[in-house]
């Protein structure tokens, strides 16, 4: 999964921003069968509306060929727009901890004899 808006941030900075209210969210593309989602890092003072609106409009544009299911897909897309996306913060943090573990030095080996 690809995460947007974390360029140049260390794991420590990401954890600090999450403690201040930041989160990782995803807005699913409901009309496509391809499961390539983009996960956005939403900072504490940032609004999710600009990301949600883009995906809502994409769902409308791609929904013309699925006429009987349009009301279901659009209502689900509106739900994610209103809620602010699907929260994936815990899962992404677990993945980031495996990739870049927090440095935990062995203090015993650092002491001089």
PDB file of N, CA and C in Angstrom:
ATOM      1  N   UNK A   1       0.826  -1.167   0.000  1.00  0.00           N
ATOM      2  CA  UNK A   1       0.000   0.000   0.000  1.00  0.00           C
ATOM      3  C   UNK A   1       0.879   1.242   0.000  1.00  0.00           C
ATOM      4  N   UNK A   2       0.475   2.210  -0.776  1.00  0.00           N
ATOM      5  CA  UNK A   2       1.243   3.431  -0.891  1.00  0.00           C
ATOM      6  C   UNK A   2       0.637   4.496   0.011  1.00  0.00           C
ATOM      7  N   UNK A   3       1.478   5.149   0.779  1.00  0.00           N
ATOM      8  CA  UNK A   3       1.014   6.213   1.673  1.00  0.00           C
ATOM      9  C   UNK A   3       1.487   7.557   1.131  1.00  0.00           C
ATOM     10  N   UNK A   4       0.571   8.486   1.013  1.00  0.00           N
ATOM     11  CA  UNK A   4       0.874   9.837   0.537  1.00  0.00           C
ATOM     12  C   UNK A   4       1.074  10.768   1.729  1.00  0.00           C
ATOM     13  N   UNK A   5       1.811  11.840   1.516  1.00  0.00           N
ATOM     14  CA  UNK A   5       2.007  12.940   2.477  1.00  0.00           C
ATOM     15  C   UNK A   5       2.937  12.585   3.628  1.00  0.00           C
ATOM     16  N   UNK A   6       3.783  11.578   3.494  1.00  0.00           N
ATOM     17  CA  UNK A   6       4.751  11.291   4.562  1.00  0.00           C
ATOM     18  C   UNK A   6       6.183  11.500   4.089  1.00  0.00           C
ATOM     19  N   UNK A   7       6.351  12.140   2.951  1.00  0.00           N
ATOM     20  CA  UNK A   7       7.681  12.363   2.412  1.00  0.00           C
ATOM     21  C   UNK A   7       8.498  13.246   3.359  1.00  0.00           C
ATOM     22  N   UNK A   8       9.689  12.809   3.680  1.00  0.00           N
ATOM     23  CA  UNK A   8      10.581  13.581   4.527  1.00  0.00           C
ATOM     24  C   UNK A   8      10.329  13.453   6.020  1.00  0.00           C
ATOM     25  N   UNK A   9       9.385  12.650   6.430  1.00  0.00           N
ATOM     26  CA  UNK A   9       9.094  12.477   7.853  1.00  0.00           C
ATOM     27  C   UNK A   9       9.739  11.191   8.367  1.00  0.00           C
ATOM     28  N   UNK A  10      10.339  11.274   9.529  1.00  0.00           N
ATOM     29  CA  UNK A  10      10.877  10.069  10.162  1.00  0.00           C
ATOM     30  C   UNK A  10       9.764   9.379  10.941  1.00  0.00           C
ATOM     31  N   UNK A  11      10.033   8.173  11.381  1.00  0.00           N
ATOM     32  CA  UNK A  11       9.045   7.431  12.163  1.00  0.00           C
ATOM     33  C   UNK A  11       8.737   8.152  13.476  1.00  0.00           C
ATOM     34  N   UNK A  12       9.739   8.772  14.059  1.00  0.00           N
ATOM     35  CA  UNK A  12       9.526   9.532  15.296  1.00  0.00           C
ATOM     36  C   UNK A  12       8.566  10.697  15.053  1.00  0.00           C
ATOM     37  N   UNK A  13       8.766  11.431  13.943  1.00  0.00           N
ATOM     38  CA  UNK A  13       7.892  12.564  13.631  1.00  0.00           C
ATOM     39  C   UNK A  13       6.469  12.105  13.328  1.00  0.00           C
ATOM     40  N   UNK A  14       6.333  10.975  12.648  1.00  0.00           N
ATOM     41  CA  UNK A  14       5.003  10.434  12.357  1.00  0.00           C
ATOM     42  C   UNK A  14       4.291  10.061  13.651  1.00  0.00           C
ATOM     43  N   UNK A  15       4.998   9.400  14.567  1.00  0.00           N
ATOM     44  CA  UNK A  15       4.399   9.039  15.867  1.00  0.00           C
ATOM     45  C   UNK A  15       4.010  10.280  16.654  1.00  0.00           C
ATOM     46  N   UNK A  16       4.834  11.311  16.602  1.00  0.00           N
ATOM     47  CA  UNK A  16       4.532  12.554  17.308  1.00  0.00           C
ATOM     48  C   UNK A  16       3.281  13.215  16.729  1.00  0.00           C
ATOM     49  N   UNK A  17       3.162  13.240  15.402  1.00  0.00           N
ATOM     50  CA  UNK A  17       1.978  13.824  14.772  1.00  0.00           C
ATOM     51  C   UNK A  17       0.720  13.000  15.065  1.00  0.00           C
ATOM     52  N   UNK A  18       0.861  11.681  15.140  1.00  0.00           N
ATOM     53  CA  UNK A  18      -0.290  10.829  15.456  1.00  0.00           C
ATOM     54  C   UNK A  18      -0.761  11.091  16.885  1.00  0.00           C
ATOM     55  N   UNK A  19       0.159  11.321  17.806  1.00  0.00           N
ATOM     56  CA  UNK A  19      -0.230  11.652  19.172  1.00  0.00           C
ATOM     57  C   UNK A  19      -0.957  12.990  19.237  1.00  0.00           C
ATOM     58  N   UNK A  20      -0.701  13.867  18.253  1.00  0.00           N
ATOM     59  CA  UNK A  20      -1.367  15.162  18.201  1.00  0.00           C
ATOM     60  C   UNK A  20      -2.696  15.103  17.450  1.00  0.00           C
ATOM     61  N   UNK A  21      -3.022  13.936  16.857  1.00  0.00           N
ATOM     62  CA  UNK A  21      -4.308  13.789  16.193  1.00  0.00           C
ATOM     63  C   UNK A  21      -4.243  13.431  14.722  1.00  0.00           C
ATOM     64  N   UNK A  22      -3.074  13.227  14.171  1.00  0.00           N
ATOM     65  CA  UNK A  22      -2.953  12.834  12.764  1.00  0.00           C
ATOM     66  C   UNK A  22      -3.388  11.381  12.609  1.00  0.00           C
ATOM     67  N   UNK A  23      -3.707  10.986  11.376  1.00  0.00           N
ATOM     68  CA  UNK A  23      -4.110   9.607  11.125  1.00  0.00           C
ATOM     69  C   UNK A  23      -3.895   9.248   9.667  1.00  0.00           C
ATOM     70  N   UNK A  24      -3.859   7.966   9.406  1.00  0.00           N
ATOM     71  CA  UNK A  24      -3.785   7.440   8.044  1.00  0.00           C
ATOM     72  C   UNK A  24      -5.204   7.034   7.643  1.00  0.00           C
ATOM     73  N   UNK A  25      -5.682   7.549   6.515  1.00  0.00           N
ATOM     74  CA  UNK A  25      -7.029   7.222   6.051  1.00  0.00           C
ATOM     75  C   UNK A  25      -6.982   6.775   4.597  1.00  0.00           C
ATOM     76  N   UNK A  26      -8.013   6.009   4.217  1.00  0.00           N
ATOM     77  CA  UNK A  26      -8.153   5.527   2.862  1.00  0.00           C
ATOM     78  C   UNK A  26      -9.582   5.781   2.404  1.00  0.00           C
ATOM     79  N   UNK A  27      -9.727   6.156   1.141  1.00  0.00           N
ATOM     80  CA  UNK A  27     -11.031   6.320   0.517  1.00  0.00           C
ATOM     81  C   UNK A  27     -11.115   5.300  -0.610  1.00  0.00           C
ATOM     82  N   UNK A  28     -11.942   4.267  -0.454  1.00  0.00           N
ATOM     83  CA  UNK A  28     -11.969   3.195  -1.456  1.00  0.00           C
ATOM     84  C   UNK A  28     -12.599   3.643  -2.764  1.00  0.00           C
ATOM     85  N   UNK A  29     -12.037   3.125  -3.865  1.00  0.00           N
ATOM     86  CA  UNK A  29     -12.642   3.294  -5.180  1.00  0.00           C
ATOM     87  C   UNK A  29     -13.641   2.162  -5.339  1.00  0.00           C
ATOM     88  N   UNK A  30     -14.896   2.455  -5.192  1.00  0.00           N
ATOM     89  CA  UNK A  30     -15.923   1.427  -5.116  1.00  0.00           C
ATOM     90  C   UNK A  30     -16.320   0.880  -6.471  1.00  0.00           C
ATOM     91  N   UNK A  31     -16.072   1.609  -7.527  1.00  0.00           N
ATOM     92  CA  UNK A  31     -16.541   1.200  -8.848  1.00  0.00           C
ATOM     93  C   UNK A  31     -15.567   0.286  -9.576  1.00  0.00           C
ATOM     94  N   UNK A  32     -14.335   0.219  -9.144  1.00  0.00           N
ATOM     95  CA  UNK A  32     -13.351  -0.584  -9.858  1.00  0.00           C
ATOM     96  C   UNK A  32     -13.128  -1.904  -9.153  1.00  0.00           C
ATOM     97  N   UNK A  33     -12.718  -2.894  -9.909  1.00  0.00           N
ATOM     98  CA  UNK A  33     -12.368  -4.187  -9.326  1.00  0.00           C
ATOM     99  C   UNK A  33     -10.908  -4.219  -8.906  1.00  0.00           C
ATOM    100  N   UNK A  34     -10.129  -3.248  -9.357  1.00  0.00           N
ATOM    101  CA  UNK A  34      -8.720  -3.174  -9.001  1.00  0.00           C
ATOM    102  C   UNK A  34      -8.615  -2.640  -7.579  1.00  0.00           C
ATOM    103  N   UNK A  35      -7.896  -3.349  -6.744  1.00  0.00           N
ATOM    104  CA  UNK A  35      -7.775  -2.964  -5.338  1.00  0.00           C
ATOM    105  C   UNK A  35      -6.446  -2.245  -5.089  1.00  0.00           C
ATOM    106  N   UNK A  36      -6.243  -1.136  -5.762  1.00  0.00           N
ATOM    107  CA  UNK A  36      -5.031  -0.346  -5.545  1.00  0.00           C
ATOM    108  C   UNK A  36      -5.438   0.956  -4.858  1.00  0.00           C
ATOM    109  N   UNK A  37      -5.452   0.923  -3.561  1.00  0.00           N
ATOM    110  CA  UNK A  37      -5.893   2.061  -2.784  1.00  0.00           C
ATOM    111  C   UNK A  37      -4.709   2.951  -2.439  1.00  0.00           C
ATOM    112  N   UNK A  38      -4.981   4.218  -2.302  1.00  0.00           N
ATOM    113  CA  UNK A  38      -3.991   5.161  -1.824  1.00  0.00           C
ATOM    114  C   UNK A  38      -4.377   5.549  -0.410  1.00  0.00           C
ATOM    115  N   UNK A  39      -3.411   5.478   0.480  1.00  0.00           N
ATOM    116  CA  UNK A  39      -3.642   5.838   1.873  1.00  0.00           C
ATOM    117  C   UNK A  39      -2.995   7.204   2.097  1.00  0.00           C
ATOM    118  N   UNK A  40      -3.755   8.105   2.683  1.00  0.00           N
ATOM    119  CA  UNK A  40      -3.282   9.464   2.910  1.00  0.00           C
ATOM    120  C   UNK A  40      -2.955   9.662   4.381  1.00  0.00           C
ATOM    121  N   UNK A  41      -1.855  10.386   4.634  1.00  0.00           N
ATOM    122  CA  UNK A  41      -1.511  10.781   5.993  1.00  0.00           C
ATOM    123  C   UNK A  41      -2.117  12.157   6.218  1.00  0.00           C
ATOM    124  N   UNK A  42      -3.103  12.221   7.086  1.00  0.00           N
ATOM    125  CA  UNK A  42      -3.822  13.462   7.364  1.00  0.00           C
ATOM    126  C   UNK A  42      -3.250  14.058   8.643  1.00  0.00           C
ATOM    127  N   UNK A  43      -2.672  15.230   8.521  1.00  0.00           N
ATOM    128  CA  UNK A  43      -2.088  15.905   9.684  1.00  0.00           C
ATOM    129  C   UNK A  43      -3.195  16.435  10.604  1.00  0.00           C
ATOM    130  N   UNK A  44      -2.851  16.771  11.846  1.00  0.00           N
ATOM    131  CA  UNK A  44      -3.893  17.157  12.810  1.00  0.00           C
ATOM    132  C   UNK A  44      -4.754  18.341  12.366  1.00  0.00           C
ATOM    133  N   UNK A  45      -4.179  19.326  11.714  1.00  0.00           N
ATOM    134  CA  UNK A  45      -4.935  20.517  11.330  1.00  0.00           C
ATOM    135  C   UNK A  45      -5.516  20.427   9.917  1.00  0.00           C
ATOM    136  N   UNK A  46      -5.290  19.316   9.230  1.00  0.00           N
ATOM    137  CA  UNK A  46      -5.707  19.158   7.836  1.00  0.00           C
ATOM    138  C   UNK A  46      -7.111  18.561   7.743  1.00  0.00           C
ATOM    139  N   UNK A  47      -7.831  18.957   6.707  1.00  0.00           N
ATOM    140  CA  UNK A  47      -9.182  18.477   6.469  1.00  0.00           C
ATOM    141  C   UNK A  47      -9.142  17.364   5.415  1.00  0.00           C
ATOM    142  N   UNK A  48      -9.970  16.344   5.579  1.00  0.00           N
ATOM    143  CA  UNK A  48      -9.977  15.218   4.638  1.00  0.00           C
ATOM    144  C   UNK A  48     -10.874  15.450   3.436  1.00  0.00           C
ATOM    145  N   UNK A  49     -11.588  16.578   3.410  1.00  0.00           N
ATOM    146  CA  UNK A  49     -12.589  16.796   2.369  1.00  0.00           C
ATOM    147  C   UNK A  49     -11.991  16.797   0.972  1.00  0.00           C
ATOM    148  N   UNK A  50     -10.804  17.403   0.787  1.00  0.00           N
ATOM    149  CA  UNK A  50     -10.230  17.480  -0.561  1.00  0.00           C
ATOM    150  C   UNK A  50      -9.867  16.099  -1.107  1.00  0.00           C
ATOM    151  N   UNK A  51      -9.453  15.177  -0.247  1.00  0.00           N
ATOM    152  CA  UNK A  51      -9.146  13.816  -0.702  1.00  0.00           C
ATOM    153  C   UNK A  51     -10.429  13.023  -0.945  1.00  0.00           C
ATOM    154  N   UNK A  52     -11.397  13.190  -0.052  1.00  0.00           N
ATOM    155  CA  UNK A  52     -12.649  12.451  -0.164  1.00  0.00           C
ATOM    156  C   UNK A  52     -13.440  12.886  -1.390  1.00  0.00           C
ATOM    157  N   UNK A  53     -13.453  14.173  -1.683  1.00  0.00           N
ATOM    158  CA  UNK A  53     -14.200  14.671  -2.832  1.00  0.00           C
ATOM    159  C   UNK A  53     -13.630  14.130  -4.139  1.00  0.00           C
ATOM    160  N   UNK A  54     -12.305  14.037  -4.213  1.00  0.00           N
ATOM    161  CA  UNK A  54     -11.669  13.490  -5.416  1.00  0.00           C
ATOM    162  C   UNK A  54     -12.128  12.050  -5.662  1.00  0.00           C
ATOM    163  N   UNK A  55     -12.166  11.245  -4.628  1.00  0.00           N
ATOM    164  CA  UNK A  55     -12.590   9.851  -4.778  1.00  0.00           C
ATOM    165  C   UNK A  55     -14.096   9.740  -5.011  1.00  0.00           C
ATOM    166  N   UNK A  56     -14.878  10.626  -4.427  1.00  0.00           N
ATOM    167  CA  UNK A  56     -16.318  10.616  -4.671  1.00  0.00           C
ATOM    168  C   UNK A  56     -16.616  10.936  -6.130  1.00  0.00           C
ATOM    169  N   UNK A  57     -15.947  11.950  -6.676  1.00  0.00           N
ATOM    170  CA  UNK A  57     -16.147  12.300  -8.082  1.00  0.00           C
ATOM    171  C   UNK A  57     -15.663  11.197  -9.015  1.00  0.00           C
ATOM    172  N   UNK A  58     -14.583  10.530  -8.628  1.00  0.00           N
ATOM    173  CA  UNK A  58     -14.094   9.396  -9.432  1.00  0.00           C
ATOM    174  C   UNK A  58     -15.122   8.267  -9.427  1.00  0.00           C
ATOM    175  N   UNK A  59     -15.747   8.011  -8.279  1.00  0.00           N
ATOM    176  CA  UNK A  59     -16.779   6.972  -8.201  1.00  0.00           C
ATOM    177  C   UNK A  59     -17.992   7.323  -9.064  1.00  0.00           C
ATOM    178  N   UNK A  60     -18.352   8.593  -9.101  1.00  0.00           N
ATOM    179  CA  UNK A  60     -19.469   9.008  -9.955  1.00  0.00           C
ATOM    180  C   UNK A  60     -19.109   8.826 -11.425  1.00  0.00           C
ATOM    181  N   UNK A  61     -17.902   9.245 -11.793  1.00  0.00           N
ATOM    182  CA  UNK A  61     -17.489   9.162 -13.197  1.00  0.00           C
ATOM    183  C   UNK A  61     -17.385   7.719 -13.684  1.00  0.00           C
ATOM    184  N   UNK A  62     -16.964   6.816 -12.821  1.00  0.00           N
ATOM    185  CA  UNK A  62     -16.794   5.429 -13.236  1.00  0.00           C
ATOM    186  C   UNK A  62     -18.064   4.610 -13.067  1.00  0.00           C
ATOM    187  N   UNK A  63     -19.093   5.185 -12.454  1.00  0.00           N
ATOM    188  CA  UNK A  63     -20.290   4.426 -12.152  1.00  0.00           C
ATOM    189  C   UNK A  63     -21.332   4.381 -13.243  1.00  0.00           C
ATOM    190  N   UNK A  64     -21.112   5.071 -14.339  1.00  0.00           N
ATOM    191  CA  UNK A  64     -22.140   5.116 -15.375  1.00  0.00           C
ATOM    192  C   UNK A  64     -22.393   3.756 -16.009  1.00  0.00           C
ATOM    193  N   UNK A  65     -21.415   2.859 -16.003  1.00  0.00           N
ATOM    194  CA  UNK A  65     -21.600   1.549 -16.644  1.00  0.00           C
ATOM    195  C   UNK A  65     -22.190   0.506 -15.695  1.00  0.00           C
ATOM    196  N   UNK A  66     -22.457   0.860 -14.465  1.00  0.00           N
ATOM    197  CA  UNK A  66     -23.063  -0.063 -13.488  1.00  0.00           C
ATOM    198  C   UNK A  66     -24.374   0.518 -12.985  1.00  0.00           C
ATOM    199  N   UNK A  67     -25.266   0.743 -13.899  1.00  0.00           N
ATOM    200  CA  UNK A  67     -26.502   1.463 -13.598  1.00  0.00           C
ATOM    201  C   UNK A  67     -27.322   0.890 -12.448  1.00  0.00           C
ATOM    202  N   UNK A  68     -27.560  -0.402 -12.339  1.00  0.00           N
ATOM    203  CA  UNK A  68     -28.419  -0.843 -11.230  1.00  0.00           C
ATOM    204  C   UNK A  68     -27.794  -0.657  -9.853  1.00  0.00           C
ATOM    205  N   UNK A  69     -26.477  -0.611  -9.773  1.00  0.00           N
ATOM    206  CA  UNK A  69     -25.813  -0.542  -8.469  1.00  0.00           C
ATOM    207  C   UNK A  69     -25.361   0.857  -8.090  1.00  0.00           C
ATOM    208  N   UNK A  70     -25.628   1.860  -8.915  1.00  0.00           N
ATOM    209  CA  UNK A  70     -25.157   3.214  -8.637  1.00  0.00           C
ATOM    210  C   UNK A  70     -25.640   3.739  -7.283  1.00  0.00           C
ATOM    211  N   UNK A  71     -26.912   3.608  -6.917  1.00  0.00           N
ATOM    212  CA  UNK A  71     -27.329   4.152  -5.604  1.00  0.00           C
ATOM    213  C   UNK A  71     -26.572   3.526  -4.426  1.00  0.00           C
ATOM    214  N   UNK A  72     -26.303   2.239  -4.494  1.00  0.00           N
ATOM    215  CA  UNK A  72     -25.576   1.579  -3.407  1.00  0.00           C
ATOM    216  C   UNK A  72     -24.145   2.104  -3.327  1.00  0.00           C
ATOM    217  N   UNK A  73     -23.459   2.144  -4.471  1.00  0.00           N
ATOM    218  CA  UNK A  73     -22.067   2.591  -4.473  1.00  0.00           C
ATOM    219  C   UNK A  73     -21.940   4.065  -4.091  1.00  0.00           C
ATOM    220  N   UNK A  74     -22.837   4.888  -4.592  1.00  0.00           N
ATOM    221  CA  UNK A  74     -22.759   6.313  -4.267  1.00  0.00           C
ATOM    222  C   UNK A  74     -23.092   6.586  -2.813  1.00  0.00           C
ATOM    223  N   UNK A  75     -24.012   5.846  -2.241  1.00  0.00           N
ATOM    224  CA  UNK A  75     -24.305   6.049  -0.822  1.00  0.00           C
ATOM    225  C   UNK A  75     -23.124   5.605   0.045  1.00  0.00           C
ATOM    226  N   UNK A  76     -22.475   4.528  -0.346  1.00  0.00           N
ATOM    227  CA  UNK A  76     -21.293   4.079   0.399  1.00  0.00           C
ATOM    228  C   UNK A  76     -20.149   5.088   0.249  1.00  0.00           C
ATOM    229  N   UNK A  77     -20.003   5.648  -0.954  1.00  0.00           N
ATOM    230  CA  UNK A  77     -18.974   6.650  -1.180  1.00  0.00           C
ATOM    231  C   UNK A  77     -19.270   7.926  -0.389  1.00  0.00           C
ATOM    232  N   UNK A  78     -20.532   8.310  -0.320  1.00  0.00           N
ATOM    233  CA  UNK A  78     -20.917   9.464   0.493  1.00  0.00           C
ATOM    234  C   UNK A  78     -20.670   9.219   1.972  1.00  0.00           C
ATOM    235  N   UNK A  79     -20.858   7.985   2.408  1.00  0.00           N
ATOM    236  CA  UNK A  79     -20.585   7.639   3.800  1.00  0.00           C
ATOM    237  C   UNK A  79     -19.110   7.875   4.124  1.00  0.00           C
ATOM    238  N   UNK A  80     -18.201   7.386   3.255  1.00  0.00           N
ATOM    239  CA  UNK A  80     -16.767   7.592   3.494  1.00  0.00           C
ATOM    240  C   UNK A  80     -16.393   9.062   3.403  1.00  0.00           C
ATOM    241  N   UNK A  81     -17.098   9.819   2.568  1.00  0.00           N
ATOM    242  CA  UNK A  81     -16.854  11.251   2.471  1.00  0.00           C
ATOM    243  C   UNK A  81     -17.240  11.928   3.780  1.00  0.00           C
ATOM    244  N   UNK A  82     -18.381  11.552   4.348  1.00  0.00           N
ATOM    245  CA  UNK A  82     -18.868  12.172   5.576  1.00  0.00           C
ATOM    246  C   UNK A  82     -18.058  11.768   6.803  1.00  0.00           C
ATOM    247  N   UNK A  83     -17.647  10.510   6.856  1.00  0.00           N
ATOM    248  CA  UNK A  83     -16.915  10.010   8.021  1.00  0.00           C
ATOM    249  C   UNK A  83     -15.464  10.466   8.019  1.00  0.00           C
ATOM    250  N   UNK A  84     -14.930  10.781   6.859  1.00  0.00           N
ATOM    251  CA  UNK A  84     -13.533  11.194   6.778  1.00  0.00           C
ATOM    252  C   UNK A  84     -12.610  10.075   6.366  1.00  0.00           C
ATOM    253  N   UNK A  85     -13.144   9.020   5.777  1.00  0.00           N
ATOM    254  CA  UNK A  85     -12.311   7.919   5.293  1.00  0.00           C
ATOM    255  C   UNK A  85     -12.246   6.770   6.269  1.00  0.00           C
ATOM    256  N   UNK A  86     -11.641   5.707   5.805  1.00  0.00           N
ATOM    257  CA  UNK A  86     -11.456   4.506   6.617  1.00  0.00           C
ATOM    258  C   UNK A  86     -10.104   4.611   7.323  1.00  0.00           C
ATOM    259  N   UNK A  87     -10.106   4.485   8.631  1.00  0.00           N
ATOM    260  CA  UNK A  87      -8.902   4.690   9.428  1.00  0.00           C
ATOM    261  C   UNK A  87      -7.993   3.463   9.361  1.00  0.00           C
ATOM    262  N   UNK A  88      -6.749   3.669   8.924  1.00  0.00           N
ATOM    263  CA  UNK A  88      -5.754   2.607   8.823  1.00  0.00           C
ATOM    264  C   UNK A  88      -4.501   2.935   9.631  1.00  0.00           C
ATOM    265  N   UNK A  89      -4.628   3.762  10.642  1.00  0.00           N
ATOM    266  CA  UNK A  89      -3.466   4.232  11.384  1.00  0.00           C
ATOM    267  C   UNK A  89      -2.703   3.099  12.051  1.00  0.00           C
ATOM    268  N   UNK A  90      -3.389   2.215  12.754  1.00  0.00           N
ATOM    269  CA  UNK A  90      -2.711   1.138  13.476  1.00  0.00           C
ATOM    270  C   UNK A  90      -1.992   0.178  12.525  1.00  0.00           C
ATOM    271  N   UNK A  91      -2.620  -0.153  11.421  1.00  0.00           N
ATOM    272  CA  UNK A  91      -2.013  -1.075  10.467  1.00  0.00           C
ATOM    273  C   UNK A  91      -0.769  -0.479   9.821  1.00  0.00           C
ATOM    274  N   UNK A  92      -0.831   0.781   9.429  1.00  0.00           N
ATOM    275  CA  UNK A  92       0.320   1.429   8.795  1.00  0.00           C
ATOM    276  C   UNK A  92       1.455   1.596   9.789  1.00  0.00           C
ATOM    277  N   UNK A  93       1.136   1.949  11.032  1.00  0.00           N
ATOM    278  CA  UNK A  93       2.189   2.068  12.043  1.00  0.00           C
ATOM    279  C   UNK A  93       2.876   0.733  12.292  1.00  0.00           C
ATOM    280  N   UNK A  94       2.114  -0.346  12.306  1.00  0.00           N
ATOM    281  CA  UNK A  94       2.724  -1.668  12.485  1.00  0.00           C
ATOM    282  C   UNK A  94       3.645  -1.998  11.313  1.00  0.00           C
ATOM    283  N   UNK A  95       3.229  -1.659  10.100  1.00  0.00           N
ATOM    284  CA  UNK A  95       4.085  -1.890   8.930  1.00  0.00           C
ATOM    285  C   UNK A  95       5.342  -1.028   8.976  1.00  0.00           C
ATOM    286  N   UNK A  96       5.198   0.228   9.391  1.00  0.00           N
ATOM    287  CA  UNK A  96       6.356   1.115   9.471  1.00  0.00           C
ATOM    288  C   UNK A  96       7.335   0.667  10.551  1.00  0.00           C
ATOM    289  N   UNK A  97       6.827   0.129  11.638  1.00  0.00           N
ATOM    290  CA  UNK A  97       7.714  -0.354  12.705  1.00  0.00           C
ATOM    291  C   UNK A  97       8.532  -1.552  12.245  1.00  0.00           C
ATOM    292  N   UNK A  98       7.987  -2.375  11.353  1.00  0.00           N
ATOM    293  CA  UNK A  98       8.745  -3.513  10.825  1.00  0.00           C
ATOM    294  C   UNK A  98       9.816  -3.043   9.853  1.00  0.00           C
ATOM    295  N   UNK A  99       9.493  -2.019   9.071  1.00  0.00           N
ATOM    296  CA  UNK A  99      10.447  -1.519   8.082  1.00  0.00           C
ATOM    297  C   UNK A  99      11.550  -0.712   8.745  1.00  0.00           C
ATOM    298  N   UNK A 100      11.180   0.191   9.646  1.00  0.00           N
ATOM    299  CA  UNK A 100      12.126   1.083  10.297  1.00  0.00           C
ATOM    300  C   UNK A 100      11.925   1.020  11.803  1.00  0.00           C
ATOM    301  N   UNK A 101      12.509   0.022  12.458  1.00  0.00           N
ATOM    302  CA  UNK A 101      12.290  -0.099  13.908  1.00  0.00           C
ATOM    303  C   UNK A 101      12.917   1.070  14.666  1.00  0.00           C
ATOM    304  N   UNK A 102      12.342   1.374  15.815  1.00  0.00           N
ATOM    305  CA  UNK A 102      12.859   2.442  16.655  1.00  0.00           C
ATOM    306  C   UNK A 102      14.192   1.995  17.246  1.00  0.00           C
ATOM    307  N   UNK A 103      15.163   2.885  17.235  1.00  0.00           N
ATOM    308  CA  UNK A 103      16.486   2.571  17.745  1.00  0.00           C
ATOM    309  C   UNK A 103      16.426   2.405  19.261  1.00  0.00           C
ATOM    310  N   UNK A 104      16.847   1.246  19.728  1.00  0.00           N
ATOM    311  CA  UNK A 104      16.875   0.948  21.152  1.00  0.00           C
ATOM    312  C   UNK A 104      18.280   0.459  21.494  1.00  0.00           C
ATOM    313  N   UNK A 105      19.174   1.358  21.924  1.00  0.00           N
ATOM    314  CA  UNK A 105      20.560   0.962  22.157  1.00  0.00           C
ATOM    315  C   UNK A 105      20.712   0.068  23.387  1.00  0.00           C
ATOM    316  N   UNK A 106      21.721  -0.785  23.353  1.00  0.00           N
ATOM    317  CA  UNK A 106      22.057  -1.630  24.498  1.00  0.00           C
ATOM    318  C   UNK A 106      22.978  -0.799  25.396  1.00  0.00           C
ATOM    319  N   UNK A 107      22.431  -0.308  26.489  1.00  0.00           N
ATOM    320  CA  UNK A 107      23.189   0.578  27.363  1.00  0.00           C
ATOM    321  C   UNK A 107      24.349  -0.130  28.049  1.00  0.00           C
ATOM    322  N   UNK A 108      24.237  -1.427  28.260  1.00  0.00           N
ATOM    323  CA  UNK A 108      25.318  -2.170  28.902  1.00  0.00           C
ATOM    324  C   UNK A 108      26.574  -2.178  28.042  1.00  0.00           C
ATOM    325  N   UNK A 109      26.412  -2.354  26.752  1.00  0.00           N
ATOM    326  CA  UNK A 109      27.578  -2.415  25.874  1.00  0.00           C
ATOM    327  C   UNK A 109      28.160  -1.025  25.620  1.00  0.00           C
ATOM    328  N   UNK A 110      27.413   0.026  25.895  1.00  0.00           N
ATOM    329  CA  UNK A 110      27.909   1.364  25.689  1.00  0.00           C
ATOM    330  C   UNK A 110      28.740   1.884  26.873  1.00  0.00           C
ATOM    331  N   UNK A 111      28.613   1.234  28.026  1.00  0.00           N
ATOM    332  CA  UNK A 111      29.363   1.669  29.210  1.00  0.00           C
ATOM    333  C   UNK A 111      30.815   1.267  29.055  1.00  0.00           C
ATOM    334  N   UNK A 112      31.685   2.153  29.475  1.00  0.00           N
ATOM    335  CA  UNK A 112      33.109   1.825  29.411  1.00  0.00           C
ATOM    336  C   UNK A 112      33.509   0.993  30.624  1.00  0.00           C
ATOM    337  N   UNK A 113      34.414   0.094  30.423  1.00  0.00           N
ATOM    338  CA  UNK A 113      34.785  -0.830  31.483  1.00  0.00           C
ATOM    339  C   UNK A 113      35.767  -0.271  32.452  1.00  0.00           C
TER     340      UNK A 113
END
